[in-house]
Amino acid sequence: MPHIEEHHFPTLLDCRYIVQTPESGLDESALVVALHGYGMDAETMLRLVATWFSNHKIISVQAPHPFYKSMEAREVGYSWATHRQSEESVRLHHQILHQVLREIEAPPEKVLLAGFSQPVGLNYRFAATYPGSVRGVIGVCGGVPKDWETGDYQRVDAALLHIARTEDEIYQPEATRQYLGRLSARADDVEYLEFPGKHRFPSLAQPAVQDWVRRKFKP
């Protein structure tokens, strides 16, 4: 039988993010760093999150792994992770966020980290691994890390807001309705909201989200 060895090595990876700044009426209470869901891209997430934060500066970060969503249309989507080599994906997600936060020179007390679907659990991991990096985290239609209660995490000092949908076919209500208790195992400031609908970005949640931001990002 042949002898087979697996080798690993680091290499440079080009990553990107886009920034939207309102022409007027800029609300500087919070700077929004937004991460898109599986198969999406930074432009799509920017359009979605802007329905909540039209007066805020938004940094929309693109996931590092491209793939063809449709070979016929040559449509490309991006992913943050797979179940293979998940530890490397978590580390890369953290490195990307650290780099973005350094480049935009945002004070941690103004950073609002928002994610839709796939990166929600990754963002919670980030907040629990690096306390003091962000002031708030909004998770939309996503999950809580499986090892949240048992993993090597610290106490979360950021305010957490989890938003779920009543007919979500991926993150089902039976599981998400446990998230308030699960997140509270590591964070003191946790809120849970649920809106009707399937696995879609809930634009109609804007009033509730804005109220939460006003309360958590007070000067």
N, C-alpha and C. Protein backbone atom coordinates (compact mmCIF):
# COMPACT_ATOMS: atom_id res chain seq x y z
N MET A 1 0.84 -1.20 0.00
CA MET A 1 0.00 0.00 0.00
C MET A 1 0.87 1.25 0.00
N PRO A 2 0.51 2.27 -0.79
CA PRO A 2 1.30 3.50 -0.80
C PRO A 2 1.14 4.26 0.51
N HIS A 3 2.15 5.02 0.84
CA HIS A 3 2.11 5.88 2.04
C HIS A 3 1.65 7.27 1.61
N ILE A 4 0.59 7.76 2.22
CA ILE A 4 0.00 9.06 1.86
C ILE A 4 0.09 10.00 3.05
N GLU A 5 0.56 11.20 2.81
CA GLU A 5 0.64 12.23 3.84
C GLU A 5 -0.15 13.46 3.41
N GLU A 6 -0.74 14.13 4.37
CA GLU A 6 -1.44 15.39 4.10
C GLU A 6 -0.63 16.54 4.67
N HIS A 7 -0.44 17.58 3.87
CA HIS A 7 0.34 18.74 4.29
C HIS A 7 -0.54 20.00 4.22
N HIS A 8 -0.30 20.93 5.11
CA HIS A 8 -1.04 22.19 5.13
C HIS A 8 -0.04 23.34 5.09
N PHE A 9 -0.45 24.44 4.45
CA PHE A 9 0.40 25.62 4.43
C PHE A 9 -0.48 26.86 4.28
N PRO A 10 -0.09 27.97 4.88
CA PRO A 10 -0.83 29.22 4.72
C PRO A 10 -0.42 29.92 3.43
N THR A 11 -1.33 30.72 2.89
CA THR A 11 -1.03 31.51 1.70
C THR A 11 -1.86 32.78 1.73
N LEU A 12 -1.51 33.75 0.91
CA LEU A 12 -2.26 35.01 0.88
C LEU A 12 -3.60 34.81 0.17
N LEU A 13 -4.61 35.50 0.65
CA LEU A 13 -5.95 35.41 0.07
C LEU A 13 -6.50 36.82 -0.09
N ASP A 14 -6.90 37.18 -1.29
CA ASP A 14 -7.51 38.48 -1.50
C ASP A 14 -8.96 38.46 -1.04
N CYS A 15 -9.30 39.36 -0.12
CA CYS A 15 -10.66 39.49 0.38
C CYS A 15 -11.15 40.90 0.09
N ARG A 16 -12.46 41.10 0.13
CA ARG A 16 -12.99 42.42 -0.22
C ARG A 16 -14.17 42.78 0.67
N TYR A 17 -14.38 44.09 0.79
CA TYR A 17 -15.58 44.60 1.43
C TYR A 17 -15.94 45.91 0.75
N ILE A 18 -17.20 46.31 0.85
CA ILE A 18 -17.64 47.56 0.25
C ILE A 18 -18.24 48.43 1.35
N VAL A 19 -18.11 49.74 1.16
CA VAL A 19 -18.53 50.70 2.18
C VAL A 19 -19.57 51.64 1.59
N GLN A 20 -20.67 51.81 2.31
CA GLN A 20 -21.70 52.77 1.90
C GLN A 20 -21.84 53.82 2.99
N THR A 21 -21.69 55.08 2.61
CA THR A 21 -21.83 56.20 3.54
C THR A 21 -22.96 57.11 3.04
N PRO A 22 -23.96 57.38 3.85
CA PRO A 22 -25.05 58.27 3.42
C PRO A 22 -24.53 59.65 3.02
N GLU A 23 -25.17 60.24 2.02
CA GLU A 23 -24.75 61.57 1.58
C GLU A 23 -25.04 62.62 2.65
N SER A 24 -26.13 62.42 3.39
CA SER A 24 -26.48 63.37 4.44
C SER A 24 -27.24 62.63 5.53
N GLY A 25 -27.34 63.26 6.68
CA GLY A 25 -28.07 62.67 7.80
C GLY A 25 -27.41 61.45 8.39
N LEU A 26 -26.07 61.39 8.36
CA LEU A 26 -25.35 60.24 8.87
C LEU A 26 -25.56 60.08 10.37
N ASP A 27 -25.99 58.89 10.77
CA ASP A 27 -26.13 58.54 12.18
C ASP A 27 -24.84 57.85 12.60
N GLU A 28 -24.06 58.50 13.42
CA GLU A 28 -22.76 57.98 13.81
C GLU A 28 -22.78 57.18 15.10
N SER A 29 -23.97 56.87 15.61
CA SER A 29 -24.06 56.12 16.87
C SER A 29 -23.53 54.70 16.70
N ALA A 30 -23.72 54.13 15.50
CA ALA A 30 -23.26 52.76 15.25
C ALA A 30 -22.74 52.65 13.83
N LEU A 31 -21.66 51.90 13.68
CA LEU A 31 -21.10 51.58 12.38
C LEU A 31 -21.39 50.11 12.12
N VAL A 32 -22.09 49.81 11.04
CA VAL A 32 -22.60 48.47 10.79
C VAL A 32 -21.62 47.67 9.93
N VAL A 33 -21.15 46.55 10.45
CA VAL A 33 -20.33 45.61 9.69
C VAL A 33 -21.22 44.40 9.41
N ALA A 34 -21.54 44.18 8.13
CA ALA A 34 -22.54 43.19 7.74
C ALA A 34 -21.92 42.03 6.96
N LEU A 35 -22.34 40.81 7.30
CA LEU A 35 -21.85 39.61 6.63
C LEU A 35 -23.02 38.87 6.00
N HIS A 36 -22.88 38.55 4.73
CA HIS A 36 -23.98 37.95 3.96
C HIS A 36 -24.11 36.44 4.20
N GLY A 37 -25.22 35.90 3.72
CA GLY A 37 -25.49 34.48 3.86
C GLY A 37 -24.87 33.65 2.75
N TYR A 38 -25.03 32.34 2.86
CA TYR A 38 -24.47 31.38 1.92
C TYR A 38 -24.98 31.64 0.50
N GLY A 39 -24.06 31.71 -0.45
CA GLY A 39 -24.43 31.90 -1.85
C GLY A 39 -24.71 33.33 -2.24
N MET A 40 -24.63 34.25 -1.30
CA MET A 40 -24.86 35.66 -1.59
C MET A 40 -23.52 36.35 -1.84
N ASP A 41 -23.56 37.69 -1.92
CA ASP A 41 -22.33 38.47 -2.05
C ASP A 41 -22.48 39.77 -1.29
N ALA A 42 -21.41 40.56 -1.26
CA ALA A 42 -21.40 41.78 -0.46
C ALA A 42 -22.43 42.79 -0.95
N GLU A 43 -22.60 42.88 -2.26
CA GLU A 43 -23.56 43.85 -2.80
C GLU A 43 -24.99 43.52 -2.38
N THR A 44 -25.33 42.23 -2.42
CA THR A 44 -26.68 41.81 -2.03
C THR A 44 -26.94 42.12 -0.56
N MET A 45 -25.97 41.81 0.29
CA MET A 45 -26.15 42.06 1.71
C MET A 45 -26.24 43.56 2.00
N LEU A 46 -25.50 44.34 1.27
CA LEU A 46 -25.57 45.79 1.46
C LEU A 46 -26.97 46.31 1.18
N ARG A 47 -27.57 45.84 0.09
CA ARG A 47 -28.94 46.28 -0.24
C ARG A 47 -29.93 45.86 0.85
N LEU A 48 -29.76 44.67 1.39
CA LEU A 48 -30.68 44.18 2.40
C LEU A 48 -30.54 44.95 3.71
N VAL A 49 -29.32 45.06 4.19
CA VAL A 49 -29.12 45.68 5.50
C VAL A 49 -29.37 47.19 5.45
N ALA A 50 -29.27 47.78 4.26
CA ALA A 50 -29.56 49.21 4.12
C ALA A 50 -31.03 49.51 4.36
N THR A 51 -31.92 48.51 4.24
CA THR A 51 -33.33 48.73 4.56
C THR A 51 -33.52 48.99 6.05
N TRP A 52 -32.56 48.55 6.87
CA TRP A 52 -32.60 48.82 8.31
C TRP A 52 -31.80 50.05 8.69
N PHE A 53 -30.68 50.28 7.98
CA PHE A 53 -29.70 51.27 8.42
C PHE A 53 -29.38 52.27 7.32
N SER A 54 -30.39 52.90 6.75
CA SER A 54 -30.17 53.81 5.63
C SER A 54 -29.35 55.03 6.03
N ASN A 55 -29.35 55.39 7.32
CA ASN A 55 -28.62 56.57 7.77
C ASN A 55 -27.29 56.24 8.45
N HIS A 56 -26.90 54.98 8.41
CA HIS A 56 -25.65 54.56 9.03
C HIS A 56 -24.61 54.21 7.97
N LYS A 57 -23.37 54.32 8.35
CA LYS A 57 -22.29 53.83 7.50
C LYS A 57 -22.28 52.31 7.59
N ILE A 58 -22.25 51.66 6.42
CA ILE A 58 -22.32 50.19 6.36
C ILE A 58 -21.07 49.65 5.66
N ILE A 59 -20.47 48.66 6.27
CA ILE A 59 -19.36 47.94 5.66
C ILE A 59 -19.85 46.53 5.40
N SER A 60 -19.98 46.14 4.14
CA SER A 60 -20.47 44.82 3.78
C SER A 60 -19.29 43.97 3.34
N VAL A 61 -19.06 42.88 4.07
CA VAL A 61 -17.88 42.04 3.87
C VAL A 61 -18.26 40.80 3.06
N GLN A 62 -17.44 40.47 2.07
CA GLN A 62 -17.71 39.31 1.22
C GLN A 62 -16.98 38.08 1.75
N ALA A 63 -17.66 36.95 1.74
CA ALA A 63 -17.06 35.69 2.18
C ALA A 63 -15.92 35.29 1.25
N PRO A 64 -14.95 34.51 1.74
CA PRO A 64 -13.74 34.25 0.98
C PRO A 64 -13.81 33.13 -0.04
N HIS A 65 -14.89 32.31 -0.02
CA HIS A 65 -14.89 31.12 -0.86
C HIS A 65 -15.94 31.23 -1.98
N PRO A 66 -15.52 31.48 -3.23
CA PRO A 66 -16.47 31.57 -4.34
C PRO A 66 -16.82 30.19 -4.90
N PHE A 67 -18.01 30.08 -5.45
CA PHE A 67 -18.42 28.85 -6.13
C PHE A 67 -19.50 29.18 -7.15
N TYR A 68 -19.68 28.30 -8.13
CA TYR A 68 -20.71 28.52 -9.14
C TYR A 68 -22.06 28.06 -8.59
N LYS A 69 -22.99 29.00 -8.50
CA LYS A 69 -24.36 28.66 -8.13
C LYS A 69 -25.09 28.04 -9.31
N SER A 70 -24.72 28.47 -10.50
CA SER A 70 -25.32 27.95 -11.72
C SER A 70 -24.26 27.94 -12.81
N MET A 71 -23.94 26.76 -13.32
CA MET A 71 -22.95 26.66 -14.37
C MET A 71 -23.48 27.28 -15.66
N GLU A 72 -24.78 27.15 -15.89
CA GLU A 72 -25.37 27.69 -17.11
C GLU A 72 -25.30 29.21 -17.13
N ALA A 73 -25.68 29.82 -16.02
CA ALA A 73 -25.68 31.29 -15.96
C ALA A 73 -24.34 31.85 -15.52
N ARG A 74 -23.41 30.96 -15.14
CA ARG A 74 -22.11 31.38 -14.63
C ARG A 74 -22.27 32.30 -13.42
N GLU A 75 -23.29 32.03 -12.63
CA GLU A 75 -23.58 32.86 -11.46
C GLU A 75 -22.71 32.40 -10.29
N VAL A 76 -22.04 33.33 -9.65
CA VAL A 76 -21.11 33.01 -8.57
C VAL A 76 -21.69 33.46 -7.23
N GLY A 77 -21.61 32.59 -6.25
CA GLY A 77 -21.96 32.92 -4.87
C GLY A 77 -20.75 32.72 -3.99
N TYR A 78 -20.86 33.10 -2.73
CA TYR A 78 -19.72 33.03 -1.82
C TYR A 78 -20.14 32.37 -0.51
N SER A 79 -19.20 31.65 0.09
CA SER A 79 -19.48 30.91 1.32
C SER A 79 -18.42 31.21 2.38
N TRP A 80 -18.86 31.15 3.64
CA TRP A 80 -17.95 31.39 4.76
C TRP A 80 -17.32 30.11 5.27
N ALA A 81 -18.00 28.97 5.10
CA ALA A 81 -17.50 27.74 5.71
C ALA A 81 -18.25 26.53 5.17
N THR A 82 -17.68 25.35 5.39
CA THR A 82 -18.36 24.08 5.19
C THR A 82 -18.07 23.22 6.41
N HIS A 83 -18.66 22.04 6.46
CA HIS A 83 -18.40 21.15 7.59
C HIS A 83 -17.01 20.52 7.51
N ARG A 84 -16.37 20.60 6.33
CA ARG A 84 -14.99 20.15 6.20
C ARG A 84 -14.05 21.27 6.62
N GLN A 85 -13.05 20.95 7.41
CA GLN A 85 -12.05 21.92 7.86
C GLN A 85 -12.71 23.14 8.51
N SER A 86 -13.67 22.86 9.37
CA SER A 86 -14.43 23.95 9.99
C SER A 86 -13.57 24.84 10.87
N GLU A 87 -12.57 24.28 11.54
CA GLU A 87 -11.72 25.09 12.40
C GLU A 87 -10.95 26.14 11.59
N GLU A 88 -10.49 25.74 10.40
CA GLU A 88 -9.80 26.70 9.53
C GLU A 88 -10.75 27.81 9.08
N SER A 89 -12.00 27.44 8.82
CA SER A 89 -12.98 28.44 8.38
C SER A 89 -13.27 29.45 9.49
N VAL A 90 -13.37 28.97 10.73
CA VAL A 90 -13.60 29.87 11.85
C VAL A 90 -12.42 30.81 12.01
N ARG A 91 -11.21 30.28 11.92
CA ARG A 91 -10.01 31.11 12.06
C ARG A 91 -9.95 32.17 10.95
N LEU A 92 -10.28 31.78 9.72
CA LEU A 92 -10.25 32.74 8.61
C LEU A 92 -11.31 33.82 8.79
N HIS A 93 -12.49 33.43 9.23
CA HIS A 93 -13.55 34.42 9.52
C HIS A 93 -13.06 35.44 10.53
N HIS A 94 -12.43 34.98 11.60
CA HIS A 94 -11.92 35.88 12.62
C HIS A 94 -10.82 36.79 12.06
N GLN A 95 -9.94 36.24 11.25
CA GLN A 95 -8.87 37.05 10.66
C GLN A 95 -9.43 38.13 9.75
N ILE A 96 -10.44 37.78 8.96
CA ILE A 96 -11.05 38.75 8.06
C ILE A 96 -11.69 39.88 8.87
N LEU A 97 -12.43 39.55 9.90
CA LEU A 97 -13.07 40.59 10.71
C LEU A 97 -12.03 41.49 11.39
N HIS A 98 -11.00 40.90 11.93
CA HIS A 98 -9.95 41.71 12.56
C HIS A 98 -9.34 42.67 11.54
N GLN A 99 -9.07 42.19 10.33
CA GLN A 99 -8.47 43.04 9.31
C GLN A 99 -9.41 44.18 8.92
N VAL A 100 -10.69 43.87 8.74
CA VAL A 100 -11.66 44.91 8.37
C VAL A 100 -11.76 45.95 9.47
N LEU A 101 -11.85 45.51 10.71
CA LEU A 101 -11.98 46.45 11.82
C LEU A 101 -10.74 47.33 11.96
N ARG A 102 -9.58 46.77 11.67
CA ARG A 102 -8.36 47.60 11.70
C ARG A 102 -8.38 48.64 10.58
N GLU A 103 -8.78 48.23 9.40
CA GLU A 103 -8.75 49.14 8.25
C GLU A 103 -9.75 50.28 8.38
N ILE A 104 -10.92 49.99 8.90
CA ILE A 104 -11.93 51.06 9.00
C ILE A 104 -11.73 51.90 10.25
N GLU A 105 -10.81 51.47 11.12
CA GLU A 105 -10.46 52.22 12.33
C GLU A 105 -11.70 52.60 13.13
N ALA A 106 -12.53 51.61 13.36
CA ALA A 106 -13.77 51.85 14.09
C ALA A 106 -13.57 51.62 15.58
N PRO A 107 -13.99 52.55 16.42
CA PRO A 107 -13.94 52.32 17.86
C PRO A 107 -14.86 51.14 18.20
N PRO A 108 -14.41 50.18 18.99
CA PRO A 108 -15.23 49.01 19.31
C PRO A 108 -16.60 49.36 19.86
N GLU A 109 -16.69 50.46 20.61
CA GLU A 109 -17.97 50.82 21.22
C GLU A 109 -19.00 51.29 20.19
N LYS A 110 -18.58 51.46 18.93
CA LYS A 110 -19.50 51.87 17.87
C LYS A 110 -19.79 50.76 16.87
N VAL A 111 -19.13 49.62 17.00
CA VAL A 111 -19.26 48.57 15.99
C VAL A 111 -20.46 47.67 16.26
N LEU A 112 -21.32 47.58 15.25
CA LEU A 112 -22.46 46.67 15.27
C LEU A 112 -22.22 45.61 14.21
N LEU A 113 -22.04 44.37 14.65
CA LEU A 113 -21.77 43.26 13.75
C LEU A 113 -23.08 42.55 13.43
N ALA A 114 -23.44 42.51 12.14
CA ALA A 114 -24.71 41.91 11.73
C ALA A 114 -24.44 40.80 10.73
N GLY A 115 -25.17 39.69 10.86
CA GLY A 115 -25.01 38.60 9.93
C GLY A 115 -26.34 37.97 9.58
N PHE A 116 -26.43 37.47 8.36
CA PHE A 116 -27.63 36.77 7.91
C PHE A 116 -27.28 35.32 7.61
N SER A 117 -27.99 34.40 8.22
CA SER A 117 -27.90 32.97 7.94
C SER A 117 -26.52 32.39 8.30
N GLN A 118 -25.73 32.00 7.32
CA GLN A 118 -24.52 31.23 7.58
C GLN A 118 -23.54 31.86 8.58
N PRO A 119 -23.22 33.15 8.50
CA PRO A 119 -22.21 33.69 9.41
C PRO A 119 -22.71 34.03 10.81
N VAL A 120 -23.98 33.79 11.11
CA VAL A 120 -24.51 34.17 12.43
C VAL A 120 -23.73 33.47 13.55
N GLY A 121 -23.60 32.15 13.44
CA GLY A 121 -22.87 31.41 14.46
C GLY A 121 -21.41 31.82 14.53
N LEU A 122 -20.81 32.10 13.37
CA LEU A 122 -19.43 32.56 13.33
C LEU A 122 -19.28 33.90 14.06
N ASN A 123 -20.25 34.79 13.87
CA ASN A 123 -20.19 36.09 14.54
C ASN A 123 -20.33 35.95 16.05
N TYR A 124 -21.20 35.03 16.50
CA TYR A 124 -21.31 34.79 17.94
C TYR A 124 -19.98 34.26 18.48
N ARG A 125 -19.35 33.38 17.74
CA ARG A 125 -18.04 32.86 18.16
C ARG A 125 -17.03 34.01 18.29
N PHE A 126 -17.05 34.92 17.31
CA PHE A 126 -16.13 36.05 17.34
C PHE A 126 -16.33 36.88 18.60
N ALA A 127 -17.59 37.18 18.92
CA ALA A 127 -17.89 38.01 20.10
C ALA A 127 -17.48 37.31 21.39
N ALA A 128 -17.55 35.99 21.40
CA ALA A 128 -17.21 35.23 22.60
C ALA A 128 -15.72 34.90 22.68
N THR A 129 -15.01 35.08 21.59
CA THR A 129 -13.57 34.82 21.58
C THR A 129 -12.78 36.08 21.82
N TYR A 130 -13.33 37.22 21.37
CA TYR A 130 -12.64 38.50 21.48
C TYR A 130 -13.54 39.54 22.14
N PRO A 131 -13.80 39.42 23.44
CA PRO A 131 -14.62 40.43 24.14
C PRO A 131 -13.99 41.81 23.97
N GLY A 132 -14.86 42.81 23.85
CA GLY A 132 -14.38 44.17 23.69
C GLY A 132 -14.15 44.58 22.26
N SER A 133 -14.38 43.67 21.29
CA SER A 133 -14.15 43.99 19.88
C SER A 133 -15.33 44.71 19.24
N VAL A 134 -16.55 44.40 19.72
CA VAL A 134 -17.76 45.01 19.15
C VAL A 134 -18.71 45.33 20.30
N ARG A 135 -19.63 46.24 20.03
CA ARG A 135 -20.60 46.62 21.07
C ARG A 135 -21.89 45.82 20.96
N GLY A 136 -22.23 45.42 19.74
CA GLY A 136 -23.47 44.68 19.54
C GLY A 136 -23.38 43.70 18.39
N VAL A 137 -24.18 42.64 18.47
CA VAL A 137 -24.25 41.63 17.41
C VAL A 137 -25.70 41.32 17.12
N ILE A 138 -26.07 41.40 15.84
CA ILE A 138 -27.41 41.01 15.41
C ILE A 138 -27.28 39.77 14.54
N GLY A 139 -27.95 38.70 14.94
CA GLY A 139 -27.98 37.47 14.15
C GLY A 139 -29.36 37.29 13.54
N VAL A 140 -29.41 37.13 12.23
CA VAL A 140 -30.69 37.03 11.52
C VAL A 140 -30.79 35.68 10.83
N CYS A 141 -31.81 34.91 11.18
CA CYS A 141 -32.08 33.62 10.53
C CYS A 141 -30.84 32.73 10.51
N GLY A 142 -30.18 32.61 11.64
CA GLY A 142 -28.98 31.79 11.72
C GLY A 142 -28.99 30.93 12.96
N GLY A 143 -27.84 30.33 13.26
CA GLY A 143 -27.76 29.40 14.37
C GLY A 143 -26.79 29.84 15.45
N VAL A 144 -26.85 29.10 16.55
CA VAL A 144 -25.91 29.26 17.66
C VAL A 144 -24.90 28.12 17.55
N PRO A 145 -23.61 28.38 17.77
CA PRO A 145 -22.61 27.32 17.67
C PRO A 145 -22.98 26.09 18.51
N LYS A 146 -22.72 24.91 17.95
CA LYS A 146 -23.06 23.67 18.66
C LYS A 146 -22.32 23.57 19.98
N ASP A 147 -21.10 24.10 20.03
CA ASP A 147 -20.30 24.01 21.25
C ASP A 147 -20.39 25.28 22.09
N TRP A 148 -21.46 26.04 21.94
CA TRP A 148 -21.59 27.32 22.61
C TRP A 148 -21.45 27.19 24.13
N GLU A 149 -22.07 26.18 24.69
CA GLU A 149 -22.02 26.00 26.14
C GLU A 149 -20.72 25.36 26.62
N THR A 150 -20.08 24.58 25.77
CA THR A 150 -18.92 23.79 26.22
C THR A 150 -17.60 24.24 25.60
N GLY A 151 -17.63 25.08 24.58
CA GLY A 151 -16.42 25.48 23.87
C GLY A 151 -15.54 26.41 24.69
N ASP A 152 -14.35 26.65 24.17
CA ASP A 152 -13.37 27.51 24.84
C ASP A 152 -13.65 28.97 24.50
N TYR A 153 -14.74 29.50 25.07
CA TYR A 153 -15.15 30.88 24.83
C TYR A 153 -15.10 31.67 26.14
N GLN A 154 -15.12 32.99 26.00
CA GLN A 154 -15.15 33.86 27.15
C GLN A 154 -16.57 34.42 27.33
N ARG A 155 -16.73 35.20 28.37
CA ARG A 155 -18.02 35.85 28.61
C ARG A 155 -18.22 36.95 27.56
N VAL A 156 -19.39 37.01 26.97
CA VAL A 156 -19.68 38.00 25.93
C VAL A 156 -20.10 39.31 26.58
N ASP A 157 -19.39 40.40 26.24
CA ASP A 157 -19.77 41.70 26.79
C ASP A 157 -20.61 42.51 25.81
N ALA A 158 -20.78 42.03 24.58
CA ALA A 158 -21.61 42.72 23.58
C ALA A 158 -23.09 42.41 23.81
N ALA A 159 -23.94 43.34 23.40
CA ALA A 159 -25.38 43.10 23.41
C ALA A 159 -25.72 42.23 22.20
N LEU A 160 -26.56 41.22 22.40
CA LEU A 160 -26.93 40.29 21.34
C LEU A 160 -28.41 40.40 21.02
N LEU A 161 -28.73 40.46 19.74
CA LEU A 161 -30.11 40.44 19.28
C LEU A 161 -30.24 39.35 18.23
N HIS A 162 -31.07 38.35 18.52
CA HIS A 162 -31.29 37.28 17.54
C HIS A 162 -32.69 37.42 16.95
N ILE A 163 -32.76 37.40 15.62
CA ILE A 163 -34.01 37.54 14.89
C ILE A 163 -34.29 36.26 14.11
N ALA A 164 -35.45 35.66 14.35
CA ALA A 164 -35.83 34.41 13.70
C ALA A 164 -37.14 34.60 12.94
N ARG A 165 -37.46 33.61 12.09
CA ARG A 165 -38.71 33.62 11.33
C ARG A 165 -39.56 32.41 11.73
N THR A 166 -40.87 32.60 11.74
CA THR A 166 -41.78 31.55 12.23
C THR A 166 -41.88 30.35 11.29
N GLU A 167 -41.51 30.51 10.03
CA GLU A 167 -41.60 29.40 9.08
C GLU A 167 -40.24 29.11 8.43
N ASP A 168 -39.17 29.44 9.14
CA ASP A 168 -37.83 29.21 8.60
C ASP A 168 -37.62 27.72 8.37
N GLU A 169 -37.33 27.36 7.13
CA GLU A 169 -37.17 25.96 6.78
C GLU A 169 -35.77 25.43 7.06
N ILE A 170 -34.82 26.34 7.37
CA ILE A 170 -33.45 25.93 7.65
C ILE A 170 -33.17 25.98 9.14
N TYR A 171 -33.46 27.10 9.77
CA TYR A 171 -33.32 27.23 11.22
C TYR A 171 -34.73 27.25 11.80
N GLN A 172 -35.22 26.08 12.15
CA GLN A 172 -36.63 25.91 12.47
C GLN A 172 -36.98 26.45 13.86
N PRO A 173 -38.21 26.93 14.03
CA PRO A 173 -38.63 27.58 15.27
C PRO A 173 -38.42 26.72 16.51
N GLU A 174 -38.56 25.40 16.39
CA GLU A 174 -38.38 24.55 17.57
C GLU A 174 -36.98 24.72 18.15
N ALA A 175 -36.01 24.97 17.28
CA ALA A 175 -34.63 25.18 17.74
C ALA A 175 -34.38 26.63 18.10
N THR A 176 -34.83 27.58 17.25
CA THR A 176 -34.48 28.98 17.49
C THR A 176 -35.13 29.54 18.75
N ARG A 177 -36.28 28.97 19.14
CA ARG A 177 -36.93 29.46 20.35
C ARG A 177 -36.18 29.08 21.62
N GLN A 178 -35.15 28.27 21.47
CA GLN A 178 -34.27 27.94 22.59
C GLN A 178 -33.06 28.88 22.67
N TYR A 179 -32.91 29.74 21.65
CA TYR A 179 -31.68 30.53 21.55
C TYR A 179 -31.57 31.60 22.62
N LEU A 180 -32.68 32.13 23.10
CA LEU A 180 -32.59 33.13 24.16
C LEU A 180 -31.89 32.54 25.38
N GLY A 181 -32.31 31.35 25.77
CA GLY A 181 -31.67 30.70 26.90
C GLY A 181 -30.25 30.28 26.61
N ARG A 182 -30.00 29.77 25.40
CA ARG A 182 -28.66 29.31 25.07
C ARG A 182 -27.67 30.48 25.01
N LEU A 183 -28.05 31.55 24.35
CA LEU A 183 -27.15 32.70 24.26
C LEU A 183 -26.90 33.32 25.63
N SER A 184 -27.91 33.28 26.48
CA SER A 184 -27.78 33.86 27.82
C SER A 184 -26.80 33.09 28.69
N ALA A 185 -26.40 31.89 28.26
CA ALA A 185 -25.41 31.14 29.02
C ALA A 185 -24.06 31.83 29.01
N ARG A 186 -23.82 32.69 28.00
CA ARG A 186 -22.53 33.38 27.92
C ARG A 186 -22.66 34.89 27.82
N ALA A 187 -23.88 35.40 27.74
CA ALA A 187 -24.07 36.84 27.58
C ALA A 187 -25.17 37.33 28.52
N ASP A 188 -24.98 38.51 29.10
CA ASP A 188 -25.97 39.07 30.02
C ASP A 188 -27.06 39.85 29.30
N ASP A 189 -26.73 40.37 28.12
CA ASP A 189 -27.66 41.24 27.39
C ASP A 189 -28.09 40.56 26.10
N VAL A 190 -29.19 39.83 26.16
CA VAL A 190 -29.67 39.06 25.00
C VAL A 190 -31.15 39.34 24.78
N GLU A 191 -31.52 39.58 23.53
CA GLU A 191 -32.93 39.73 23.17
C GLU A 191 -33.23 38.84 21.96
N TYR A 192 -34.46 38.35 21.90
CA TYR A 192 -34.88 37.45 20.83
C TYR A 192 -36.18 37.98 20.23
N LEU A 193 -36.20 38.11 18.91
CA LEU A 193 -37.39 38.56 18.20
C LEU A 193 -37.76 37.55 17.12
N GLU A 194 -39.05 37.41 16.88
CA GLU A 194 -39.51 36.45 15.88
C GLU A 194 -40.52 37.15 14.96
N PHE A 195 -40.35 36.95 13.66
CA PHE A 195 -41.23 37.58 12.68
C PHE A 195 -41.81 36.51 11.76
N PRO A 196 -43.02 36.73 11.26
CA PRO A 196 -43.63 35.75 10.36
C PRO A 196 -42.81 35.61 9.07
N GLY A 197 -42.81 34.41 8.52
CA GLY A 197 -42.16 34.24 7.22
C GLY A 197 -41.13 33.13 7.21
N LYS A 198 -40.62 32.89 6.01
CA LYS A 198 -39.64 31.84 5.79
C LYS A 198 -38.21 32.39 5.90
N HIS A 199 -37.25 31.62 5.41
CA HIS A 199 -35.83 31.97 5.54
C HIS A 199 -35.49 33.10 4.58
N ARG A 200 -35.88 34.30 4.96
CA ARG A 200 -35.63 35.50 4.17
C ARG A 200 -35.24 36.63 5.12
N PHE A 201 -34.51 37.61 4.58
CA PHE A 201 -34.13 38.76 5.39
C PHE A 201 -35.39 39.57 5.71
N PRO A 202 -35.70 39.80 6.99
CA PRO A 202 -36.96 40.45 7.37
C PRO A 202 -36.86 41.98 7.35
N SER A 203 -37.08 42.57 6.20
CA SER A 203 -36.99 44.03 6.09
C SER A 203 -37.96 44.73 7.03
N LEU A 204 -39.11 44.10 7.30
CA LEU A 204 -40.12 44.73 8.15
C LEU A 204 -39.69 44.77 9.62
N ALA A 205 -38.56 44.17 9.94
CA ALA A 205 -38.07 44.23 11.32
C ALA A 205 -37.39 45.56 11.62
N GLN A 206 -37.30 46.44 10.64
CA GLN A 206 -36.55 47.69 10.78
C GLN A 206 -36.94 48.51 12.02
N PRO A 207 -38.22 48.74 12.32
CA PRO A 207 -38.54 49.54 13.51
C PRO A 207 -38.01 48.92 14.80
N ALA A 208 -38.15 47.60 14.94
CA ALA A 208 -37.67 46.93 16.15
C ALA A 208 -36.16 46.97 16.24
N VAL A 209 -35.49 46.81 15.11
CA VAL A 209 -34.03 46.84 15.10
C VAL A 209 -33.53 48.24 15.45
N GLN A 210 -34.14 49.25 14.86
CA GLN A 210 -33.73 50.62 15.15
C GLN A 210 -33.95 50.97 16.62
N ASP A 211 -35.03 50.48 17.20
CA ASP A 211 -35.27 50.72 18.63
C ASP A 211 -34.18 50.06 19.46
N TRP A 212 -33.79 48.83 19.09
CA TRP A 212 -32.72 48.13 19.82
C TRP A 212 -31.41 48.88 19.71
N VAL A 213 -31.08 49.38 18.51
CA VAL A 213 -29.84 50.12 18.32
C VAL A 213 -29.84 51.40 19.14
N ARG A 214 -30.95 52.10 19.19
CA ARG A 214 -31.03 53.33 19.99
C ARG A 214 -30.77 53.04 21.45
N ARG A 215 -31.28 51.90 21.93
CA ARG A 215 -31.11 51.57 23.35
C ARG A 215 -29.69 51.09 23.66
N LYS A 216 -29.09 50.36 22.76
CA LYS A 216 -27.78 49.75 23.03
C LYS A 216 -26.61 50.61 22.64
N PHE A 217 -26.83 51.55 21.73
CA PHE A 217 -25.72 52.40 21.27
C PHE A 217 -25.91 53.84 21.70
N LYS A 218 -26.50 54.03 22.83
CA LYS A 218 -26.67 55.37 23.37
C LYS A 218 -25.28 55.97 23.66
N PRO A 219 -25.09 57.26 23.39
CA PRO A 219 -23.79 57.91 23.68
C PRO A 219 -23.42 57.79 25.14
